[in-house]
Amino acid sequence: GYVKGVVTYMVMDNLKVMPMSTISTITLLNNYNAKDIGALEEKIVYVGMNEGLDLLQASLECKGALTSVFLRN
């Protein structure tokens, strides 16, 4: 389908994309049994050509593509 207007999305480590809303965030936290909300961290990343290629490769090699590409040491 098509999106009309500005919509914010949340991308999970397995590259699942979900609309960002209060309800979806609460549901996600409950599904992962998150107790300490203060321990959560938001990370904004910018995806250029190199990052896109790294994401493609990581998505074929592991289930945690975002962690692999953006949180590697």
Protein backbone atom coordinates (compact mmCIF):
# COMPACT_ATOMS: atom_id res chain seq x y z
CA GLY A 1 0.00 0.00 0.00
CA TYR A 2 0.86 3.64 -0.05
CA VAL A 3 1.47 5.99 2.85
CA LYS A 4 -0.15 9.41 2.82
CA GLY A 5 1.48 12.10 4.90
CA VAL A 6 4.36 11.80 7.32
CA VAL A 7 4.63 8.49 9.16
CA THR A 8 7.40 7.35 11.50
CA TYR A 9 8.54 3.74 11.40
CA MET A 10 10.46 1.50 13.75
CA VAL A 11 12.88 -1.01 12.23
CA MET A 12 13.65 -4.09 14.28
CA ASP A 13 16.99 -5.90 14.35
CA ASN A 14 15.57 -8.58 12.03
CA LEU A 15 14.64 -5.74 9.61
CA LYS A 16 10.91 -6.02 10.32
CA VAL A 17 9.34 -2.58 9.78
CA MET A 18 6.43 -1.40 11.93
CA PRO A 19 4.61 1.93 12.17
CA MET A 20 5.80 3.78 15.25
CA SER A 21 2.97 4.39 17.69
CA THR A 22 2.48 4.33 21.43
CA ILE A 23 0.48 1.11 21.26
CA SER A 24 3.00 -0.72 19.06
CA THR A 25 5.86 0.40 21.31
CA ILE A 26 4.10 -0.78 24.48
CA THR A 27 3.25 -4.08 22.82
CA LEU A 28 6.86 -4.52 21.75
CA LEU A 29 8.15 -3.79 25.25
CA ASN A 30 5.69 -6.29 26.71
CA ASN A 31 6.69 -8.94 24.16
CA TYR A 32 10.34 -8.56 25.15
CA ASN A 33 9.47 -8.40 28.85
CA ALA A 34 11.31 -5.07 29.20
CA LYS A 35 11.23 -3.99 32.85
CA ASP A 36 13.70 -1.10 33.01
CA ILE A 37 12.56 1.50 30.49
CA GLY A 38 15.53 3.68 31.47
CA ALA A 39 17.91 1.08 30.06
CA LEU A 40 16.46 1.45 26.56
CA GLU A 41 18.32 3.52 24.01
CA GLU A 42 17.18 5.09 20.77
CA LYS A 43 19.72 5.20 18.00
CA ILE A 44 19.29 7.23 14.85
CA VAL A 45 21.43 6.01 11.99
CA TYR A 46 22.07 7.30 8.51
CA VAL A 47 22.17 4.79 5.70
CA GLY A 48 24.42 5.55 2.77
CA MET A 49 25.59 3.25 0.00
CA ASN A 50 28.20 1.48 2.17
CA GLU A 51 25.79 0.96 5.07
CA GLY A 52 23.12 -0.29 2.67
CA LEU A 53 25.49 -2.86 1.22
CA ASP A 54 26.61 -3.87 4.72
CA LEU A 55 22.95 -4.28 5.73
CA LEU A 56 22.26 -6.41 2.68
CA GLN A 57 25.21 -8.67 3.48
CA ALA A 58 24.34 -8.89 7.19
CA SER A 59 20.70 -9.71 6.40
CA LEU A 60 21.88 -12.76 4.47
CA GLU A 61 24.29 -13.89 7.19
CA CYS A 62 22.53 -13.32 10.51
CA LYS A 63 19.24 -12.44 12.20
CA GLY A 64 20.58 -9.27 13.85
CA ALA A 65 21.47 -7.19 10.80
CA LEU A 66 21.10 -3.78 12.44
CA THR A 67 23.19 -4.75 15.45
CA SER A 68 25.80 -6.27 13.18
CA VAL A 69 26.13 -3.15 11.03
CA PHE A 70 25.52 -0.24 13.38
CA LEU A 71 26.69 -1.49 16.78
CA ARG A 72 29.82 -3.35 15.78
CA ASN A 73 33.08 -2.32 17.39
